[in-house]
Protein backbone atom coordinates (compact mmCIF):
# COMPACT_ATOMS: atom_id res chain seq x y z
CA MET A 1 -75.94 103.05 174.34
CA ASP A 2 -73.36 104.64 172.03
CA VAL A 3 -76.03 106.49 170.06
CA VAL A 4 -79.55 107.43 171.18
CA ILE A 5 -82.13 107.47 168.40
CA ARG A 6 -85.76 108.56 168.85
CA ILE A 7 -88.58 110.73 167.51
CA GLU A 8 -89.58 113.80 169.52
CA ASN A 9 -92.48 116.01 168.48
CA GLY A 10 -92.12 115.11 164.81
CA ILE A 11 -88.33 115.44 164.83
CA GLY A 12 -85.97 112.55 164.31
CA ARG A 13 -83.25 112.90 166.95
CA ILE A 14 -79.82 111.31 166.95
CA THR A 15 -77.58 111.92 169.96
CA LEU A 16 -74.03 110.59 169.96
CA ASN A 17 -73.26 109.06 173.35
CA ARG A 18 -69.75 107.65 173.36
CA PRO A 19 -67.95 110.30 175.44
CA GLN A 20 -64.95 108.15 176.33
CA ALA A 21 -63.97 108.25 172.63
CA LEU A 22 -65.19 111.80 171.92
CA HIS A 23 -68.21 110.14 170.27
CA ALA A 24 -66.09 108.50 167.54
CA LEU A 25 -68.18 106.31 165.27
CA ASN A 26 -68.12 102.54 165.31
CA THR A 27 -69.83 100.14 162.92
CA ASP A 28 -72.91 99.62 165.07
CA MET A 29 -73.45 103.37 165.51
CA CYS A 30 -73.28 103.92 161.75
CA ARG A 31 -75.58 100.99 161.06
CA ARG A 32 -78.22 102.19 163.52
CA MET A 33 -78.07 105.74 162.18
CA SER A 34 -78.38 104.46 158.61
CA GLU A 35 -81.42 102.40 159.52
CA ALA A 36 -83.03 105.45 161.14
CA LEU A 37 -82.45 107.62 158.07
CA THR A 38 -83.88 104.93 155.81
CA GLU A 39 -87.05 104.88 157.91
CA TRP A 40 -87.36 108.62 158.50
CA ALA A 41 -86.84 109.63 154.87
CA THR A 42 -90.36 108.35 154.04
CA ASP A 43 -92.01 108.62 157.47
CA ASP A 44 -94.57 111.43 157.38
CA ARG A 45 -94.35 111.74 161.17
CA VAL A 46 -90.78 113.00 160.86
CA LYS A 47 -90.51 116.58 159.59
CA LEU A 48 -86.76 117.06 160.10
CA LEU A 49 -83.71 115.50 161.71
CA MET A 50 -81.40 116.86 164.42
CA ILE A 51 -78.06 115.33 165.38
CA ASP A 52 -75.99 116.38 168.40
CA HIS A 53 -73.94 114.84 171.20
CA ALA A 54 -74.85 114.05 174.80
CA GLU A 55 -75.09 117.09 177.05
CA GLY A 56 -72.23 117.60 179.48
CA THR A 57 -69.75 115.71 177.28
CA ARG A 58 -66.91 116.97 175.09
CA GLY A 59 -66.69 116.85 171.34
CA PHE A 60 -69.24 116.43 168.66
CA CYS A 61 -67.55 113.52 166.93
CA ALA A 62 -63.80 112.97 166.75
CA GLY A 63 -63.90 110.55 163.80
CA GLY A 64 -64.18 106.82 163.30
CA ASP A 65 -62.95 103.72 165.10
CA ILE A 66 -59.39 103.91 163.77
CA ARG A 67 -57.97 101.24 166.10
CA MET A 68 -60.41 98.66 164.77
CA VAL A 69 -59.75 99.69 161.17
CA ALA A 70 -55.98 99.37 161.68
CA GLN A 71 -56.25 96.00 163.38
CA SER A 72 -58.47 94.74 160.57
CA GLY A 73 -56.16 96.14 157.89
CA ARG A 74 -53.24 94.23 159.39
CA VAL A 75 -55.14 90.97 158.93
CA ASP A 76 -57.63 90.69 156.06
CA GLY A 77 -59.37 94.11 156.02
CA VAL A 78 -62.85 92.56 156.03
CA GLU A 79 -64.13 94.20 159.22
CA ALA A 80 -62.74 97.58 158.16
CA ALA A 81 -64.33 97.29 154.71
CA ASP A 82 -67.67 96.58 156.37
CA PHE A 83 -67.30 99.70 158.52
CA PHE A 84 -66.49 101.90 155.51
CA ARG A 85 -69.35 100.41 153.48
CA ILE A 86 -71.88 101.28 156.19
CA GLU A 87 -70.33 104.68 157.00
CA TYR A 88 -70.17 105.78 153.36
CA THR A 89 -73.74 104.59 152.79
CA LEU A 90 -74.75 106.76 155.76
CA ASN A 91 -72.86 109.76 154.32
CA THR A 92 -74.76 109.31 151.05
CA GLN A 93 -78.10 109.04 152.85
CA ILE A 94 -77.38 112.33 154.62
CA LYS A 95 -76.46 113.99 151.32
CA ARG A 96 -79.73 112.76 149.78
CA PHE A 97 -81.96 113.16 152.87
CA PRO A 98 -85.18 114.82 151.64
CA LYS A 99 -85.86 116.77 154.85
CA PRO A 100 -83.93 119.37 156.86
CA TYR A 101 -80.90 117.80 158.54
CA ILE A 102 -79.60 119.89 161.44
CA ALA A 103 -76.16 119.11 162.87
CA CYS A 104 -75.00 120.83 166.06
CA LEU A 105 -71.20 120.98 165.86
CA ASP A 106 -70.52 122.17 169.39
CA GLY A 107 -67.02 120.75 169.80
CA VAL A 108 -64.44 118.59 168.04
CA THR A 109 -65.62 117.71 164.53
CA MET A 110 -63.07 115.61 162.69
CA GLY A 111 -63.02 112.84 160.10
CA GLY A 112 -66.16 110.75 160.50
CA GLY A 113 -67.75 113.57 162.49
CA VAL A 114 -67.46 115.75 159.41
CA GLY A 115 -69.11 113.03 157.34
CA ILE A 116 -72.24 112.97 159.50
CA SER A 117 -72.62 116.76 159.41
CA ILE A 118 -71.15 118.45 156.31
CA HIS A 119 -73.61 116.82 153.92
CA GLY A 120 -76.68 118.01 155.85
CA SER A 121 -78.71 121.13 155.11
CA HIS A 122 -78.04 122.99 158.41
CA ARG A 123 -74.65 122.88 160.15
CA ILE A 124 -74.42 124.95 163.32
CA ALA A 125 -70.96 125.85 164.61
CA THR A 126 -70.17 127.45 167.97
CA GLU A 127 -67.01 128.95 169.46
CA HIS A 128 -66.17 125.42 170.63
CA THR A 129 -66.19 123.93 167.13
CA LEU A 130 -62.85 122.50 166.06
CA PHE A 131 -62.84 121.21 162.48
CA ALA A 132 -60.10 119.13 160.89
CA MET A 133 -59.45 116.37 158.40
CA PRO A 134 -56.18 115.07 159.91
CA GLU A 135 -55.97 111.76 158.03
CA THR A 136 -52.63 112.27 156.24
CA GLY A 137 -50.99 112.27 159.69
CA ILE A 138 -51.91 108.60 160.18
CA GLY A 139 -51.45 107.35 156.62
CA LEU A 140 -55.12 107.58 155.67
CA PHE A 141 -56.96 110.08 153.42
CA PRO A 142 -59.75 112.69 153.89
CA ASP A 143 -62.73 110.45 153.21
CA VAL A 144 -66.45 110.56 154.20
CA GLY A 145 -67.13 112.69 151.13
CA GLY A 146 -64.03 114.85 151.40
CA SER A 147 -63.57 114.39 147.67
CA TRP A 148 -66.83 116.29 147.24
CA PHE A 149 -66.77 119.17 149.70
CA LEU A 150 -63.05 119.96 149.99
CA PRO A 151 -62.44 120.83 146.29
CA ARG A 152 -65.60 122.95 146.37
CA LEU A 153 -64.34 125.28 149.10
CA GLU A 154 -62.84 128.64 148.14
CA GLY A 155 -59.75 128.38 145.95
CA GLU A 156 -57.31 125.78 147.25
CA LEU A 157 -58.54 126.01 150.84
CA GLY A 158 -59.68 122.39 150.74
CA THR A 159 -56.34 121.15 149.42
CA TRP A 160 -54.52 122.94 152.24
CA LEU A 161 -56.88 121.48 154.84
CA ALA A 162 -56.57 117.98 153.37
CA LEU A 163 -52.80 117.80 153.04
CA THR A 164 -51.78 119.56 156.26
CA GLY A 165 -54.68 118.53 158.50
CA ALA A 166 -54.98 122.19 159.54
CA ARG A 167 -57.62 123.00 162.14
CA LEU A 168 -60.32 125.62 161.82
CA LYS A 169 -61.94 126.98 164.95
CA GLY A 170 -65.28 128.61 165.74
CA ARG A 171 -66.25 131.35 163.33
CA ASP A 172 -63.62 130.30 160.80
CA VAL A 173 -65.63 127.11 160.25
CA LEU A 174 -68.54 129.32 159.14
CA ALA A 175 -66.33 131.58 157.02
CA ALA A 176 -64.95 128.56 155.16
CA GLY A 177 -68.45 127.38 154.28
CA ILE A 178 -68.17 124.20 156.32
CA ALA A 179 -70.84 125.43 158.73
CA THR A 180 -73.99 127.20 157.51
CA HIS A 181 -74.64 129.01 160.80
CA PHE A 182 -72.74 130.23 163.86
CA VAL A 183 -74.51 130.37 167.23
CA ALA A 184 -72.90 131.16 170.59
CA SER A 185 -72.76 127.94 172.63
CA GLU A 186 -74.76 129.50 175.48
CA LYS A 187 -77.62 130.11 173.04
CA LEU A 188 -77.52 126.67 171.40
CA PRO A 189 -79.81 124.94 173.95
CA GLU A 190 -82.42 127.64 173.35
CA VAL A 191 -82.12 127.21 169.58
CA LYS A 192 -82.52 123.46 169.86
CA ALA A 193 -85.47 123.78 172.25
CA ARG A 194 -87.35 126.12 169.92
CA ILE A 195 -86.78 123.85 166.93
CA LEU A 196 -87.84 120.82 168.96
CA ALA A 197 -90.98 122.74 169.99
CA GLY A 198 -91.95 122.94 166.33
CA GLU A 199 -90.63 126.29 165.11
CA ALA A 200 -89.15 126.42 161.62
CA PRO A 201 -85.34 125.98 161.76
CA ASP A 202 -84.60 128.83 159.36
CA THR A 203 -86.82 131.21 161.31
CA VAL A 204 -85.21 130.27 164.62
CA LEU A 205 -81.64 130.42 163.33
CA ALA A 206 -82.19 133.80 161.69
CA GLY A 207 -82.56 135.32 165.15
CA TYR A 208 -79.35 133.86 166.57
CA THR A 209 -76.78 133.27 163.88
CA GLU A 210 -73.87 135.64 163.38
CA THR A 211 -72.58 136.79 160.01
CA PRO A 212 -69.17 135.51 158.87
CA ARG A 213 -66.13 137.49 159.94
CA THR A 214 -62.74 137.67 158.26
CA PRO A 215 -61.16 134.30 159.09
CA VAL A 216 -57.72 133.84 160.60
CA TYR A 217 -56.50 132.11 157.46
CA ALA A 218 -57.57 134.99 155.17
CA GLU A 219 -54.15 136.68 155.21
CA HIS A 220 -52.64 133.46 153.85
CA LEU A 221 -55.15 132.79 151.07
CA ASN A 222 -52.89 134.08 148.30
CA ILE A 223 -50.14 131.70 149.37
CA ILE A 224 -52.62 128.84 149.78
CA ASN A 225 -54.02 129.37 146.29
CA HIS A 226 -50.61 129.87 144.71
CA CYS A 227 -48.81 126.94 146.34
CA PHE A 228 -51.51 124.32 146.80
CA SER A 229 -52.68 124.56 143.19
CA ARG A 230 -49.47 122.86 142.03
CA PRO A 231 -49.86 119.47 140.32
CA THR A 232 -47.85 117.32 142.75
CA VAL A 233 -47.03 117.28 146.45
CA THR A 234 -43.36 117.79 145.59
CA ASP A 235 -44.28 120.92 143.62
CA ILE A 236 -46.43 122.17 146.49
CA CYS A 237 -43.58 121.72 148.98
CA LEU A 238 -41.17 123.51 146.65
CA ALA A 239 -43.57 126.41 146.12
CA LEU A 240 -44.02 126.80 149.87
CA LYS A 241 -40.26 126.88 150.42
CA MET A 242 -39.81 129.47 147.67
CA ALA A 243 -42.57 131.73 148.98
CA ASP A 244 -40.17 133.51 151.35
CA ASP A 245 -42.83 133.61 154.05
CA ASP A 246 -42.71 132.30 157.61
CA TRP A 247 -46.24 130.89 157.47
CA ALA A 248 -45.52 129.11 154.17
CA THR A 249 -42.34 127.64 155.65
CA ALA A 250 -44.36 126.37 158.60
CA GLN A 251 -46.78 124.63 156.21
CA ALA A 252 -43.87 123.00 154.40
CA ASP A 253 -42.56 121.76 157.75
CA ILE A 254 -45.97 120.27 158.56
CA LEU A 255 -46.03 118.43 155.24
CA LYS A 256 -42.68 116.83 156.11
CA THR A 257 -44.40 115.04 158.99
CA ARG A 258 -47.29 113.64 156.92
CA SER A 259 -47.37 110.37 155.01
CA PRO A 260 -46.02 111.06 151.49
CA LEU A 261 -48.23 108.31 150.05
CA SER A 262 -51.32 109.64 151.83
CA MET A 263 -50.67 113.18 150.61
CA ALA A 264 -50.21 112.02 147.02
CA VAL A 265 -53.40 109.95 147.14
CA SER A 266 -55.32 112.79 148.81
CA LEU A 267 -54.23 115.30 146.19
CA GLU A 268 -55.28 112.95 143.38
CA GLN A 269 -58.54 112.23 145.18
CA LEU A 270 -59.44 115.92 145.43
CA ARG A 271 -58.47 116.64 141.83
CA ARG A 272 -60.67 113.80 140.60
CA GLY A 273 -63.49 114.72 142.96
CA ALA A 274 -63.57 118.30 141.68
CA HIS A 275 -64.69 117.01 138.27
CA MET A 276 -67.20 114.41 139.43
CA SER A 277 -70.87 115.28 139.05
CA PHE A 278 -72.51 112.73 141.33
CA PHE A 279 -71.93 112.21 145.04
CA GLU A 280 -72.43 108.47 144.68
CA GLU A 281 -69.53 108.37 142.23
CA ILE A 282 -67.39 110.14 144.82
CA MET A 283 -68.23 107.62 147.53
CA ARG A 284 -67.54 104.63 145.31
CA MET A 285 -64.09 106.09 144.58
CA GLU A 286 -63.42 106.68 148.27
CA TYR A 287 -64.48 103.13 149.12
CA ARG A 288 -61.91 101.79 146.69
CA ILE A 289 -59.20 103.98 148.21
CA ALA A 290 -60.19 102.96 151.74
CA CYS A 291 -60.10 99.24 151.00
CA HIS A 292 -56.61 99.57 149.54
CA ILE A 293 -54.97 102.12 151.82
CA ILE A 294 -55.83 100.34 155.09
CA ARG A 295 -53.58 97.48 153.95
CA THR A 296 -50.54 99.73 153.47
CA SER A 297 -47.59 99.89 155.83
CA ASP A 298 -48.04 103.66 156.16
CA PHE A 299 -51.51 103.35 157.66
CA SER A 300 -50.41 100.68 160.11
CA GLU A 301 -47.36 102.73 161.04
CA GLY A 302 -49.32 105.97 161.34
CA VAL A 303 -51.81 104.43 163.74
CA ARG A 304 -48.98 102.87 165.74
CA ALA A 305 -47.13 106.17 166.06
CA VAL A 306 -50.09 108.46 166.77
CA ILE A 307 -52.73 106.31 168.45
CA GLU A 308 -51.12 103.16 169.84
CA ASP A 309 -47.53 103.86 170.94
CA LYS A 310 -48.01 107.63 170.75
CA ASP A 311 -44.35 108.31 170.03
CA HIS A 312 -45.41 110.54 167.10
CA ALA A 313 -42.43 109.35 165.10
CA PRO A 314 -43.85 107.40 162.16
CA GLN A 315 -41.44 105.83 159.67
CA TRP A 316 -43.10 106.44 156.32
CA SER A 317 -42.41 104.38 153.19
CA PRO A 318 -41.53 106.02 150.88
CA GLN A 319 -40.05 108.72 153.10
CA THR A 320 -40.50 111.68 150.74
CA PRO A 321 -43.13 112.82 148.24
CA ALA A 322 -40.62 112.40 145.42
CA GLY A 323 -40.46 108.69 146.27
CA VAL A 324 -44.15 108.10 145.54
CA SER A 325 -44.65 106.74 142.03
CA GLN A 326 -47.68 107.32 139.86
CA SER A 327 -48.29 103.57 139.80
CA GLN A 328 -48.49 103.54 143.61
CA ILE A 329 -51.11 106.27 143.47
CA GLU A 330 -53.12 104.52 140.75
CA THR A 331 -53.15 101.29 142.78
CA MET A 332 -55.17 103.05 145.48
CA PHE A 333 -57.92 103.86 142.96
CA ALA A 334 -58.14 100.36 141.44
CA PRO A 335 -61.41 98.39 141.53
CA VAL A 336 -62.08 96.11 144.50
CA ALA A 337 -63.65 92.69 144.62
CA GLU A 338 -66.90 93.99 146.11
CA GLU A 339 -67.69 97.55 145.05
CA LEU A 340 -69.80 99.94 147.11
CA ALA A 341 -73.44 99.64 146.07
CA LEU A 342 -75.44 102.85 146.46
């Protein structure tokens, strides 16, 4: 079974069990998790929820079923739209879940894995946690509520993470505010056992969690805030080149490898999301983007280059940020035939 769902001692437990894909989410996994949250939200037997991955396996959750989404997008997009509808509904249920929601991020946490953790009340990182939203590298965009949490991180940290796909490790995930707690991986089983035995999560975590330390990216925050606050991707690239800084130059070089269309859409997505007041509004916007962007040549090409052929040499169209028109960006935000109902 790709996901194991049960109730243990008054705790709703979800354990991801798809190790061959680093526990990446498929439609059935999302549907079953959504059904569980619907039931547990009003079930008095369930006091809180805990989500983790199978013991002895790598990852937490590496994302979603990108191969399926790409194959669907190359045809009619129906199967992919169904996946996004169920996944985004699940993200919204987590955001609105009325009980403690404890996610154990002991490993790779990317894309869809972020969506099933970041919106919960308790997010436990370890030294093994590896966070990223790498979607612009395959012609996609930082979805699963990225429009909500990324613009609400410190300064332009979220914009940098979204456009470059930069990875945060271990304690930096806590410092950024993506995790709420940091626990050494060797102590995590003990933490989980005590919570499962009925102890209050906050009381247990208070005895194990470490305080945030100065993150690795801290020395670059001034450049991040200065450059990634620019209104367009072209302006951001120019600001990075003019910064006269090796790290800034490296970021500019990374942006050259990302889909120009994806970066432009992602930047617009985050700017809009920063001013939205309701999470449901965010998810309806992201559903529109998803339904459109999976039909683009960039997404098909990105998946080919990174996941299928693995030559890591995508041919983007347009090839540069300057080639992306405002009308192309607006098209990604246009209404769809069947909107997301939340």
